[in-house]
Amino acid sequence: MNMNTFCENAFGLKDRRTVVTGGGRGIGRAIAEALAAMGAEVCIHYYTSKDKAQQVVEAIQADGGKAWAAGADLTDSAATKALFEQVNDRWGALDLLINNAGDLVQRCKIEDFSDELIETVITTNIHTALYSSREAIPLLRKGTKPSIVNVGSIAA
């Protein structure tokens, strides 16, 4: 049994409605493509990488998967709410949220972080996941086997 077959059987991702924040590049792209390959329908969230997100959508669709892209600044509560209103309008429910959006912001030693940089890091890497989770939960409650997965990287 290959890994995709194992994951399909173990996690039942076929037709699961999924949002991957930061899905246009890096880890988010890999997650989105893997989920789509296992049968999930994926919303590729982007902030500034619209073209990259559209490339992911096209790659998934070329492989027979289902995907669409939606943009939002997830550090903004109202913009996050609007993103999940789009999800609600399209699907009416959500099965899986992958909180992957985040950024290193600035490369420097932590002892050199200014108070402003600390606030930016917290907003970019924590507020985004909290805002997204808060807005997703009502949709997840209507979903099948709902889950939230939080992804961390060196930035987090």
N, C-alpha and C. Protein backbone atom coordinates (compact mmCIF):
# COMPACT_ATOMS: atom_id res chain seq x y z
N MET A 1 0.85 -1.18 0.00
CA MET A 1 0.00 0.00 0.00
C MET A 1 0.90 1.24 0.00
N ASN A 2 0.63 2.18 -0.93
CA ASN A 2 1.44 3.39 -0.95
C ASN A 2 0.91 4.41 0.07
N MET A 3 1.67 5.47 0.28
CA MET A 3 1.33 6.45 1.31
C MET A 3 -0.01 7.13 1.03
N ASN A 4 -0.28 7.49 -0.24
CA ASN A 4 -1.56 8.14 -0.54
C ASN A 4 -2.74 7.24 -0.21
N THR A 5 -2.63 5.96 -0.57
CA THR A 5 -3.71 5.02 -0.26
C THR A 5 -3.88 4.88 1.24
N PHE A 6 -2.78 4.78 1.96
CA PHE A 6 -2.84 4.69 3.42
C PHE A 6 -3.54 5.92 4.00
N CYS A 7 -3.13 7.10 3.57
CA CYS A 7 -3.72 8.34 4.10
C CYS A 7 -5.20 8.45 3.75
N GLU A 8 -5.55 8.07 2.52
CA GLU A 8 -6.96 8.11 2.12
C GLU A 8 -7.79 7.22 3.03
N ASN A 9 -7.29 6.03 3.30
CA ASN A 9 -8.02 5.09 4.16
C ASN A 9 -8.04 5.57 5.61
N ALA A 10 -6.92 6.06 6.09
CA ALA A 10 -6.81 6.44 7.50
C ALA A 10 -7.54 7.74 7.81
N PHE A 11 -7.46 8.69 6.91
CA PHE A 11 -7.97 10.02 7.21
C PHE A 11 -9.23 10.40 6.43
N GLY A 12 -9.62 9.61 5.45
CA GLY A 12 -10.84 9.86 4.71
C GLY A 12 -10.95 11.27 4.16
N LEU A 13 -10.01 11.67 3.33
CA LEU A 13 -9.97 13.05 2.84
C LEU A 13 -10.79 13.28 1.57
N LYS A 14 -11.33 12.24 0.98
CA LYS A 14 -12.09 12.41 -0.26
C LYS A 14 -13.27 13.36 -0.03
N ASP A 15 -13.34 14.38 -0.87
CA ASP A 15 -14.40 15.40 -0.84
C ASP A 15 -14.43 16.25 0.43
N ARG A 16 -13.40 16.18 1.25
CA ARG A 16 -13.34 17.05 2.44
C ARG A 16 -13.05 18.47 2.00
N ARG A 17 -13.85 19.39 2.46
CA ARG A 17 -13.72 20.81 2.13
C ARG A 17 -12.66 21.41 3.05
N THR A 18 -11.59 21.91 2.43
CA THR A 18 -10.39 22.29 3.18
C THR A 18 -9.91 23.68 2.81
N VAL A 19 -9.55 24.47 3.83
CA VAL A 19 -8.89 25.75 3.61
C VAL A 19 -7.45 25.60 4.08
N VAL A 20 -6.50 25.96 3.21
CA VAL A 20 -5.08 25.99 3.56
C VAL A 20 -4.64 27.44 3.52
N THR A 21 -4.41 28.05 4.69
CA THR A 21 -3.93 29.43 4.70
C THR A 21 -2.47 29.43 4.28
N GLY A 22 -2.08 30.45 3.54
CA GLY A 22 -0.71 30.49 3.03
C GLY A 22 -0.44 29.34 2.08
N GLY A 23 -1.45 28.98 1.29
CA GLY A 23 -1.35 27.80 0.43
C GLY A 23 -0.71 28.04 -0.91
N GLY A 24 -0.26 29.24 -1.19
CA GLY A 24 0.30 29.56 -2.49
C GLY A 24 1.77 29.23 -2.67
N ARG A 25 2.45 28.91 -1.58
CA ARG A 25 3.89 28.64 -1.71
C ARG A 25 4.38 27.81 -0.53
N GLY A 26 5.57 27.27 -0.66
CA GLY A 26 6.26 26.57 0.42
C GLY A 26 5.48 25.40 0.99
N ILE A 27 5.49 25.32 2.32
CA ILE A 27 4.83 24.23 3.04
C ILE A 27 3.34 24.21 2.72
N GLY A 28 2.71 25.37 2.66
CA GLY A 28 1.28 25.44 2.37
C GLY A 28 0.94 24.85 1.02
N ARG A 29 1.76 25.14 0.02
CA ARG A 29 1.53 24.58 -1.31
C ARG A 29 1.64 23.07 -1.27
N ALA A 30 2.68 22.56 -0.62
CA ALA A 30 2.86 21.11 -0.54
C ALA A 30 1.68 20.45 0.16
N ILE A 31 1.20 21.06 1.23
CA ILE A 31 0.04 20.52 1.95
C ILE A 31 -1.19 20.53 1.05
N ALA A 32 -1.44 21.66 0.39
CA ALA A 32 -2.62 21.78 -0.48
C ALA A 32 -2.59 20.74 -1.60
N GLU A 33 -1.44 20.58 -2.23
CA GLU A 33 -1.33 19.61 -3.32
C GLU A 33 -1.51 18.18 -2.81
N ALA A 34 -0.95 17.88 -1.65
CA ALA A 34 -1.10 16.53 -1.08
C ALA A 34 -2.55 16.24 -0.72
N LEU A 35 -3.23 17.20 -0.10
CA LEU A 35 -4.63 17.01 0.26
C LEU A 35 -5.50 16.82 -0.98
N ALA A 36 -5.25 17.63 -2.00
CA ALA A 36 -6.02 17.51 -3.24
C ALA A 36 -5.76 16.15 -3.90
N ALA A 37 -4.52 15.69 -3.86
CA ALA A 37 -4.19 14.38 -4.43
C ALA A 37 -4.93 13.25 -3.71
N MET A 38 -5.28 13.49 -2.45
CA MET A 38 -6.01 12.50 -1.67
C MET A 38 -7.53 12.72 -1.74
N GLY A 39 -7.95 13.64 -2.61
CA GLY A 39 -9.38 13.80 -2.86
C GLY A 39 -10.06 14.97 -2.20
N ALA A 40 -9.34 15.74 -1.39
CA ALA A 40 -9.94 16.91 -0.75
C ALA A 40 -10.18 18.02 -1.78
N GLU A 41 -11.21 18.82 -1.55
CA GLU A 41 -11.41 20.04 -2.33
C GLU A 41 -10.77 21.16 -1.52
N VAL A 42 -9.88 21.93 -2.14
CA VAL A 42 -9.03 22.84 -1.39
C VAL A 42 -9.22 24.30 -1.80
N CYS A 43 -9.39 25.14 -0.79
CA CYS A 43 -9.34 26.59 -0.98
C CYS A 43 -7.91 27.02 -0.67
N ILE A 44 -7.23 27.55 -1.66
CA ILE A 44 -5.86 28.02 -1.51
C ILE A 44 -5.93 29.49 -1.09
N HIS A 45 -5.63 29.76 0.18
CA HIS A 45 -5.62 31.14 0.65
C HIS A 45 -4.28 31.78 0.29
N TYR A 46 -4.34 33.05 -0.06
CA TYR A 46 -3.13 33.84 -0.29
C TYR A 46 -3.34 35.24 0.27
N TYR A 47 -2.24 35.92 0.52
CA TYR A 47 -2.31 37.33 0.91
C TYR A 47 -1.76 38.17 -0.24
N THR A 48 -0.48 38.02 -0.53
CA THR A 48 0.14 38.80 -1.60
C THR A 48 0.50 37.96 -2.81
N SER A 49 0.40 36.66 -2.71
CA SER A 49 0.87 35.75 -3.77
C SER A 49 -0.28 35.23 -4.63
N LYS A 50 -1.09 36.13 -5.17
CA LYS A 50 -2.25 35.71 -5.97
C LYS A 50 -1.82 34.84 -7.15
N ASP A 51 -0.79 35.26 -7.88
CA ASP A 51 -0.34 34.49 -9.04
C ASP A 51 0.14 33.11 -8.64
N LYS A 52 0.87 33.03 -7.53
CA LYS A 52 1.36 31.73 -7.07
C LYS A 52 0.19 30.84 -6.63
N ALA A 53 -0.78 31.43 -5.96
CA ALA A 53 -1.96 30.65 -5.55
C ALA A 53 -2.70 30.12 -6.76
N GLN A 54 -2.83 30.95 -7.79
CA GLN A 54 -3.52 30.51 -9.00
C GLN A 54 -2.74 29.39 -9.69
N GLN A 55 -1.41 29.43 -9.63
CA GLN A 55 -0.59 28.35 -10.18
C GLN A 55 -0.85 27.04 -9.45
N VAL A 56 -1.02 27.12 -8.13
CA VAL A 56 -1.33 25.92 -7.34
C VAL A 56 -2.69 25.38 -7.75
N VAL A 57 -3.68 26.26 -7.87
CA VAL A 57 -5.02 25.84 -8.31
C VAL A 57 -4.93 25.13 -9.65
N GLU A 58 -4.22 25.73 -10.59
CA GLU A 58 -4.10 25.14 -11.93
C GLU A 58 -3.39 23.80 -11.90
N ALA A 59 -2.35 23.67 -11.07
CA ALA A 59 -1.63 22.40 -10.96
C ALA A 59 -2.54 21.32 -10.38
N ILE A 60 -3.31 21.67 -9.36
CA ILE A 60 -4.23 20.71 -8.75
C ILE A 60 -5.30 20.29 -9.76
N GLN A 61 -5.86 21.26 -10.47
CA GLN A 61 -6.90 20.95 -11.45
C GLN A 61 -6.35 20.12 -12.60
N ALA A 62 -5.10 20.38 -13.01
CA ALA A 62 -4.48 19.61 -14.08
C ALA A 62 -4.31 18.15 -13.69
N ASP A 63 -4.18 17.90 -12.38
CA ASP A 63 -4.06 16.53 -11.88
C ASP A 63 -5.43 15.92 -11.55
N GLY A 64 -6.51 16.63 -11.91
CA GLY A 64 -7.85 16.11 -11.68
C GLY A 64 -8.45 16.48 -10.34
N GLY A 65 -7.78 17.34 -9.58
CA GLY A 65 -8.28 17.74 -8.27
C GLY A 65 -9.18 18.96 -8.34
N LYS A 66 -9.75 19.29 -7.19
CA LYS A 66 -10.65 20.44 -7.07
C LYS A 66 -9.99 21.49 -6.18
N ALA A 67 -9.88 22.72 -6.70
CA ALA A 67 -9.26 23.79 -5.91
C ALA A 67 -9.73 25.14 -6.42
N TRP A 68 -9.67 26.12 -5.55
CA TRP A 68 -9.95 27.51 -5.88
C TRP A 68 -9.13 28.38 -4.95
N ALA A 69 -8.91 29.63 -5.35
CA ALA A 69 -8.08 30.54 -4.57
C ALA A 69 -8.91 31.70 -4.03
N ALA A 70 -8.52 32.16 -2.85
CA ALA A 70 -9.17 33.32 -2.22
C ALA A 70 -8.13 34.10 -1.44
N GLY A 71 -8.17 35.41 -1.57
CA GLY A 71 -7.19 36.26 -0.90
C GLY A 71 -7.76 36.98 0.31
N ALA A 72 -6.89 37.20 1.29
CA ALA A 72 -7.27 37.96 2.48
C ALA A 72 -6.03 38.25 3.31
N ASP A 73 -6.03 39.41 3.97
CA ASP A 73 -5.01 39.75 4.96
C ASP A 73 -5.49 39.18 6.29
N LEU A 74 -4.94 38.05 6.69
CA LEU A 74 -5.41 37.36 7.89
C LEU A 74 -4.97 38.03 9.19
N THR A 75 -4.16 39.09 9.10
CA THR A 75 -3.86 39.86 10.30
C THR A 75 -4.99 40.85 10.59
N ASP A 76 -5.93 40.95 9.69
CA ASP A 76 -7.08 41.85 9.80
C ASP A 76 -8.33 41.01 10.08
N SER A 77 -8.93 41.23 11.22
CA SER A 77 -10.10 40.44 11.64
C SER A 77 -11.24 40.50 10.62
N ALA A 78 -11.54 41.68 10.12
CA ALA A 78 -12.65 41.83 9.16
C ALA A 78 -12.35 41.11 7.85
N ALA A 79 -11.10 41.19 7.39
CA ALA A 79 -10.72 40.50 6.15
C ALA A 79 -10.80 38.99 6.32
N THR A 80 -10.42 38.51 7.51
CA THR A 80 -10.50 37.08 7.79
C THR A 80 -11.95 36.63 7.78
N LYS A 81 -12.81 37.42 8.41
CA LYS A 81 -14.25 37.12 8.41
C LYS A 81 -14.78 37.04 6.97
N ALA A 82 -14.36 37.98 6.14
CA ALA A 82 -14.80 38.00 4.74
C ALA A 82 -14.34 36.75 3.98
N LEU A 83 -13.12 36.29 4.26
CA LEU A 83 -12.63 35.06 3.62
C LEU A 83 -13.55 33.89 3.95
N PHE A 84 -13.88 33.75 5.23
CA PHE A 84 -14.70 32.60 5.62
C PHE A 84 -16.16 32.77 5.20
N GLU A 85 -16.59 34.00 4.94
CA GLU A 85 -17.90 34.20 4.32
C GLU A 85 -17.89 33.66 2.89
N GLN A 86 -16.77 33.84 2.18
CA GLN A 86 -16.63 33.25 0.84
C GLN A 86 -16.70 31.73 0.91
N VAL A 87 -16.02 31.17 1.90
CA VAL A 87 -16.04 29.71 2.09
C VAL A 87 -17.47 29.25 2.36
N ASN A 88 -18.18 29.96 3.22
CA ASN A 88 -19.57 29.62 3.52
C ASN A 88 -20.44 29.72 2.27
N ASP A 89 -20.26 30.78 1.50
CA ASP A 89 -21.06 30.95 0.28
C ASP A 89 -20.81 29.82 -0.71
N ARG A 90 -19.58 29.35 -0.77
CA ARG A 90 -19.23 28.31 -1.74
C ARG A 90 -19.62 26.92 -1.26
N TRP A 91 -19.32 26.60 0.01
CA TRP A 91 -19.50 25.23 0.50
C TRP A 91 -20.61 25.09 1.54
N GLY A 92 -20.87 26.12 2.31
CA GLY A 92 -21.86 26.03 3.38
C GLY A 92 -21.37 25.34 4.63
N ALA A 93 -20.19 24.77 4.56
CA ALA A 93 -19.58 24.06 5.69
C ALA A 93 -18.09 23.93 5.39
N LEU A 94 -17.34 23.47 6.38
CA LEU A 94 -15.91 23.26 6.24
C LEU A 94 -15.55 22.01 7.03
N ASP A 95 -14.64 21.22 6.49
CA ASP A 95 -14.22 19.99 7.15
C ASP A 95 -12.83 20.09 7.78
N LEU A 96 -11.97 20.90 7.17
CA LEU A 96 -10.58 20.94 7.62
C LEU A 96 -10.00 22.34 7.39
N LEU A 97 -9.39 22.89 8.44
CA LEU A 97 -8.66 24.15 8.34
C LEU A 97 -7.20 23.86 8.64
N ILE A 98 -6.34 24.24 7.71
CA ILE A 98 -4.89 24.15 7.92
C ILE A 98 -4.39 25.57 8.12
N ASN A 99 -4.05 25.91 9.36
CA ASN A 99 -3.48 27.23 9.68
C ASN A 99 -1.99 27.19 9.39
N ASN A 100 -1.62 27.65 8.22
CA ASN A 100 -0.23 27.60 7.79
C ASN A 100 0.35 28.99 7.56
N ALA A 101 -0.48 30.01 7.40
CA ALA A 101 0.01 31.36 7.09
C ALA A 101 0.90 31.87 8.21
N GLY A 102 1.98 32.50 7.82
CA GLY A 102 2.92 33.07 8.78
C GLY A 102 4.16 33.54 8.04
N ASP A 103 5.04 34.20 8.77
CA ASP A 103 6.23 34.74 8.12
C ASP A 103 7.30 34.98 9.17
N LEU A 104 8.54 34.89 8.75
CA LEU A 104 9.67 35.17 9.64
C LEU A 104 9.76 36.66 9.94
N VAL A 105 9.25 37.50 9.09
CA VAL A 105 9.19 38.96 9.22
C VAL A 105 10.56 39.59 9.05
N GLN A 106 11.51 39.28 9.91
CA GLN A 106 12.86 39.85 9.82
C GLN A 106 13.84 38.86 10.43
N ARG A 107 14.94 38.62 9.76
CA ARG A 107 15.94 37.70 10.27
C ARG A 107 16.94 38.46 11.15
N CYS A 108 16.90 38.17 12.43
CA CYS A 108 17.88 38.73 13.36
C CYS A 108 17.81 37.93 14.66
N LYS A 109 18.80 38.12 15.51
CA LYS A 109 18.81 37.43 16.80
C LYS A 109 17.66 37.95 17.65
N ILE A 110 17.06 37.07 18.42
CA ILE A 110 15.90 37.47 19.23
C ILE A 110 16.27 38.58 20.21
N GLU A 111 17.50 38.59 20.69
CA GLU A 111 17.88 39.66 21.63
C GLU A 111 17.93 41.03 20.94
N ASP A 112 17.91 41.02 19.61
CA ASP A 112 17.88 42.28 18.86
C ASP A 112 16.47 42.70 18.44
N PHE A 113 15.45 41.91 18.81
CA PHE A 113 14.06 42.24 18.46
C PHE A 113 13.62 43.51 19.19
N SER A 114 13.09 44.44 18.45
CA SER A 114 12.47 45.62 19.06
C SER A 114 11.06 45.23 19.54
N ASP A 115 10.46 46.07 20.36
CA ASP A 115 9.08 45.82 20.79
C ASP A 115 8.15 45.77 19.58
N GLU A 116 8.37 46.64 18.62
CA GLU A 116 7.53 46.68 17.42
C GLU A 116 7.66 45.39 16.62
N LEU A 117 8.89 44.86 16.51
CA LEU A 117 9.09 43.61 15.77
C LEU A 117 8.40 42.45 16.48
N ILE A 118 8.47 42.41 17.80
CA ILE A 118 7.79 41.36 18.56
C ILE A 118 6.29 41.41 18.28
N GLU A 119 5.70 42.61 18.29
CA GLU A 119 4.27 42.75 17.99
C GLU A 119 3.95 42.26 16.58
N THR A 120 4.81 42.58 15.62
CA THR A 120 4.59 42.15 14.24
C THR A 120 4.67 40.63 14.12
N VAL A 121 5.65 40.03 14.79
CA VAL A 121 5.79 38.56 14.76
C VAL A 121 4.56 37.90 15.36
N ILE A 122 4.09 38.40 16.49
CA ILE A 122 2.90 37.84 17.14
C ILE A 122 1.67 37.99 16.24
N THR A 123 1.49 39.17 15.68
CA THR A 123 0.34 39.41 14.81
C THR A 123 0.38 38.50 13.59
N THR A 124 1.54 38.41 12.97
CA THR A 124 1.67 37.64 11.74
C THR A 124 1.55 36.14 11.96
N ASN A 125 2.04 35.64 13.07
CA ASN A 125 2.10 34.19 13.26
C ASN A 125 1.07 33.63 14.24
N ILE A 126 0.49 34.46 15.08
CA ILE A 126 -0.47 33.94 16.06
C ILE A 126 -1.87 34.49 15.81
N HIS A 127 -1.99 35.78 15.64
CA HIS A 127 -3.32 36.35 15.38
C HIS A 127 -3.97 35.73 14.16
N THR A 128 -3.17 35.47 13.11
CA THR A 128 -3.73 34.89 11.88
C THR A 128 -4.39 33.54 12.17
N ALA A 129 -3.73 32.70 12.95
CA ALA A 129 -4.30 31.39 13.28
C ALA A 129 -5.54 31.53 14.17
N LEU A 130 -5.49 32.45 15.12
CA LEU A 130 -6.64 32.64 16.01
C LEU A 130 -7.84 33.22 15.26
N TYR A 131 -7.62 34.24 14.45
CA TYR A 131 -8.73 34.81 13.67
C TYR A 131 -9.33 33.76 12.74
N SER A 132 -8.46 33.02 12.05
CA SER A 132 -8.95 32.00 11.11
C SER A 132 -9.72 30.92 11.83
N SER A 133 -9.21 30.45 12.95
CA SER A 133 -9.90 29.40 13.71
C SER A 133 -11.26 29.89 14.19
N ARG A 134 -11.29 31.10 14.73
CA ARG A 134 -12.55 31.65 15.23
C ARG A 134 -13.61 31.71 14.13
N GLU A 135 -13.22 32.17 12.95
CA GLU A 135 -14.18 32.30 11.85
C GLU A 135 -14.54 30.94 11.24
N ALA A 136 -13.62 29.98 11.32
CA ALA A 136 -13.87 28.66 10.73
C ALA A 136 -14.76 27.79 11.60
N ILE A 137 -14.72 27.95 12.90
CA ILE A 137 -15.42 27.03 13.80
C ILE A 137 -16.91 26.89 13.49
N PRO A 138 -17.67 27.95 13.25
CA PRO A 138 -19.08 27.74 12.91
C PRO A 138 -19.27 26.87 11.65
N LEU A 139 -18.38 27.02 10.68
CA LEU A 139 -18.45 26.21 9.46
C LEU A 139 -18.00 24.78 9.74
N LEU A 140 -16.98 24.63 10.57
CA LEU A 140 -16.50 23.29 10.93
C LEU A 140 -17.58 22.50 11.67
N ARG A 141 -18.36 23.18 12.48
CA ARG A 141 -19.43 22.50 13.22
C ARG A 141 -20.46 21.89 12.27
N LYS A 142 -20.55 22.42 11.05
CA LYS A 142 -21.47 21.87 10.05
C LYS A 142 -20.77 20.85 9.15
N GLY A 143 -19.47 20.64 9.36
CA GLY A 143 -18.69 19.77 8.49
C GLY A 143 -18.67 18.32 8.92
N THR A 144 -17.91 17.53 8.18
CA THR A 144 -17.73 16.11 8.43
C THR A 144 -16.36 15.89 9.07
N LYS A 145 -16.32 15.26 10.23
CA LYS A 145 -15.06 15.01 10.94
C LYS A 145 -14.20 16.28 10.97
N PRO A 146 -14.71 17.37 11.52
CA PRO A 146 -13.99 18.64 11.46
C PRO A 146 -12.68 18.62 12.24
N SER A 147 -11.68 19.30 11.67
CA SER A 147 -10.37 19.38 12.30
C SER A 147 -9.71 20.71 11.98
N ILE A 148 -8.87 21.15 12.91
CA ILE A 148 -7.99 22.29 12.69
C ILE A 148 -6.57 21.79 12.91
N VAL A 149 -5.69 22.07 11.94
CA VAL A 149 -4.28 21.71 12.05
C VAL A 149 -3.48 23.00 12.01
N ASN A 150 -2.65 23.22 13.02
CA ASN A 150 -1.79 24.40 13.07
C ASN A 150 -0.38 24.00 12.68
N VAL A 151 0.16 24.70 11.70
CA VAL A 151 1.50 24.41 11.19
C VAL A 151 2.45 25.48 11.70
N GLY A 152 3.57 25.07 12.21
CA GLY A 152 4.59 26.00 12.67
C GLY A 152 5.87 25.81 11.89
N SER A 153 6.63 26.87 11.78
CA SER A 153 7.93 26.80 11.12
C SER A 153 8.92 27.56 11.98
N ILE A 154 10.08 27.81 11.46
CA ILE A 154 11.10 28.54 12.21
C ILE A 154 10.58 29.91 12.63
N ALA A 155 9.68 30.48 11.83
CA ALA A 155 9.12 31.79 12.14
C ALA A 155 8.24 31.76 13.38
N ALA A 156 7.54 30.67 13.57
CA ALA A 156 6.60 30.59 14.69
C ALA A 156 7.33 30.34 15.98
